[in-house]
Protein backbone atom coordinates (compact mmCIF):
# COMPACT_ATOMS: atom_id res chain seq x y z
CA MET A 1 74.57 129.11 109.27
CA THR A 2 74.94 129.14 112.46
CA THR A 3 78.51 129.26 114.48
CA GLN A 4 78.62 125.69 115.56
CA GLU A 5 78.40 124.78 111.69
CA ARG A 6 81.47 123.92 109.84
CA VAL A 7 82.11 125.04 105.96
CA PRO A 8 84.01 122.17 104.59
CA THR A 9 87.58 122.94 102.98
CA PRO A 10 89.71 121.05 100.52
CA ARG A 11 92.77 119.43 101.66
CA ASP A 12 95.87 121.05 101.89
CA HIS A 13 97.80 117.90 100.45
CA PRO A 14 95.32 115.17 98.79
CA ARG A 15 95.58 112.09 98.86
CA ILE A 16 96.48 109.56 96.60
CA PRO A 17 95.21 105.94 96.88
CA VAL A 18 97.94 103.57 96.67
CA SER A 19 99.24 100.74 98.54
CA ILE A 20 103.39 100.94 98.98
CA PRO A 21 104.98 98.51 100.82
CA VAL A 22 107.63 99.42 102.71
CA GLN A 23 110.53 98.74 105.84
CA VAL A 24 109.49 101.70 108.85
CA GLU A 25 112.61 101.66 111.81
CA ILE A 26 111.75 102.84 115.05
CA ALA A 27 113.66 105.79 115.77
CA HIS A 28 114.39 105.64 119.81
CA ALA A 29 114.60 109.31 120.60
CA TRP A 30 116.60 108.37 124.30
CA GLU A 31 119.41 107.29 121.85
CA GLY A 32 119.07 109.22 118.60
CA SER A 33 119.40 106.07 116.38
CA THR A 34 116.61 103.13 114.92
CA ARG A 35 117.70 99.63 116.14
CA THR A 36 114.56 97.78 115.06
CA SER A 37 112.55 97.34 111.53
CA ARG A 38 109.46 95.80 110.36
CA PHE A 39 107.75 95.67 107.41
CA GLY A 40 104.13 97.68 106.53
CA SER A 41 102.28 99.13 103.66
CA LEU A 42 101.49 103.18 102.78
CA PHE A 43 97.95 104.09 101.67
CA ASN A 44 96.41 107.34 101.29
CA VAL A 45 99.61 108.67 100.32
CA SER A 46 100.13 112.97 100.41
CA ARG A 47 102.78 115.31 100.68
CA GLY A 48 101.68 115.95 104.52
CA GLY A 49 101.60 111.95 105.19
CA ALA A 50 100.19 108.98 104.83
CA GLY A 51 98.37 106.06 106.39
CA LEU A 52 100.49 103.02 107.68
CA SER A 53 99.35 99.07 107.85
CA MET A 54 101.91 97.21 110.02
CA SER A 55 101.77 94.34 112.64
CA TRP A 56 103.88 96.39 115.41
CA VAL A 57 102.06 98.41 118.44
CA VAL A 58 103.17 101.82 118.91
CA PRO A 59 101.58 104.85 121.13
CA PRO A 60 101.16 108.02 119.10
CA LYS A 61 104.46 110.90 118.54
CA THR A 62 106.30 107.43 118.05
CA ARG A 63 108.96 108.53 115.29
CA PHE A 64 109.69 106.66 112.63
CA ALA A 65 112.58 106.28 109.43
CA VAL A 66 110.29 105.03 106.31
CA LEU A 67 111.72 103.00 103.52
CA VAL A 68 110.51 103.12 100.42
CA PRO A 69 111.43 101.60 97.57
CA ALA A 70 111.16 104.40 94.07
CA ALA A 71 112.15 105.39 91.22
CA GLY A 72 115.74 105.52 90.85
CA THR A 73 116.77 105.50 94.12
CA ASP A 74 114.74 104.46 97.66
CA LEU A 75 113.78 107.14 99.70
CA ARG A 76 113.75 107.59 103.37
CA LEU A 77 111.08 109.59 104.64
CA LEU A 78 110.81 110.96 108.56
CA ALA A 79 107.07 110.73 109.63
CA GLU A 80 105.64 110.21 113.39
CA VAL A 81 102.74 108.89 114.15
CA VAL A 82 99.76 111.15 114.79
CA TRP A 83 96.96 108.57 115.80
CA THR A 84 96.20 104.93 115.83
CA SER A 85 93.52 102.69 115.01
CA LEU A 86 94.76 100.27 117.70
CA THR A 87 92.58 99.90 121.54
CA PRO A 88 93.80 97.86 124.10
CA GLY A 89 92.80 93.99 123.42
CA ARG A 90 92.62 94.37 120.04
CA ASP A 91 95.33 91.94 117.46
CA PRO A 92 98.39 93.85 117.07
CA ASP A 93 98.62 92.46 113.19
CA ALA A 94 95.59 94.61 112.23
CA ALA A 95 97.17 97.91 113.60
CA VAL A 96 96.93 100.96 111.27
CA TYR A 97 98.51 103.92 111.87
CA GLY A 98 98.46 108.03 110.63
CA LEU A 99 101.77 109.60 109.39
CA ARG A 100 102.98 112.86 109.80
CA TRP A 101 105.99 113.75 107.64
CA VAL A 102 108.94 115.61 109.30
CA GLU A 103 108.77 117.88 106.08
CA TYR A 104 106.53 117.76 103.43
CA LEU A 105 107.29 115.68 100.33
CA SER A 106 108.60 117.25 97.34
CA GLY A 107 106.21 117.05 94.30
CA GLN A 108 109.06 114.94 92.68
CA SER A 109 109.15 112.90 95.36
CA LEU A 110 105.91 111.58 96.16
CA GLU A 111 105.34 110.54 91.89
CA ALA A 112 108.84 108.37 92.33
CA MET A 113 106.87 106.95 94.98
CA LEU A 114 104.30 105.99 92.44
CA PRO A 115 103.95 102.47 91.10
CA PRO A 116 104.90 102.30 87.72
CA GLU A 117 101.77 102.17 86.04
CA ARG A 118 100.50 105.14 88.40
CA ARG A 119 103.15 107.23 86.80
CA LYS A 120 102.75 106.75 83.19
CA ASP A 121 99.46 107.25 83.40
CA GLY A 122 99.98 111.22 83.27
CA GLU A 123 97.88 111.10 86.45
CA ALA A 124 98.78 114.31 88.34
CA VAL A 125 100.43 114.34 91.78
CA PRO A 126 98.96 117.10 93.52
CA SER A 127 101.25 120.17 93.45
CA ALA A 128 102.31 122.44 96.38
CA PRO A 129 99.82 124.17 98.35
CA ARG A 130 99.11 128.04 97.14
CA ASN A 131 99.67 130.70 99.58
């Protein structure tokens, strides 16, 4: 193996392939408040982050509060945009973002986000990484 080859490693936080409707609020850094909200859909959720599709154009490093309907009580998760699929001239309705949670999700929060049919399956929710 040469020094340029990279050995694949497992993800620290495995993704769960789901689609979860959410409400997204933009956090205005200059005011520390939220003013605008849109609806979107989370996908490939993990303890470290998720994918988000929505019709709203924002740059990387934008902070969001993501409101997730969950079992028992709704979750309000803080996230930061890491990457976007949107390029100049593309339709903003097709925007896809990679989010990083400001704080890693607990296994309990991640399980609460899953649709009921995924929870009662007995499907394992990824646990915390071992250090």
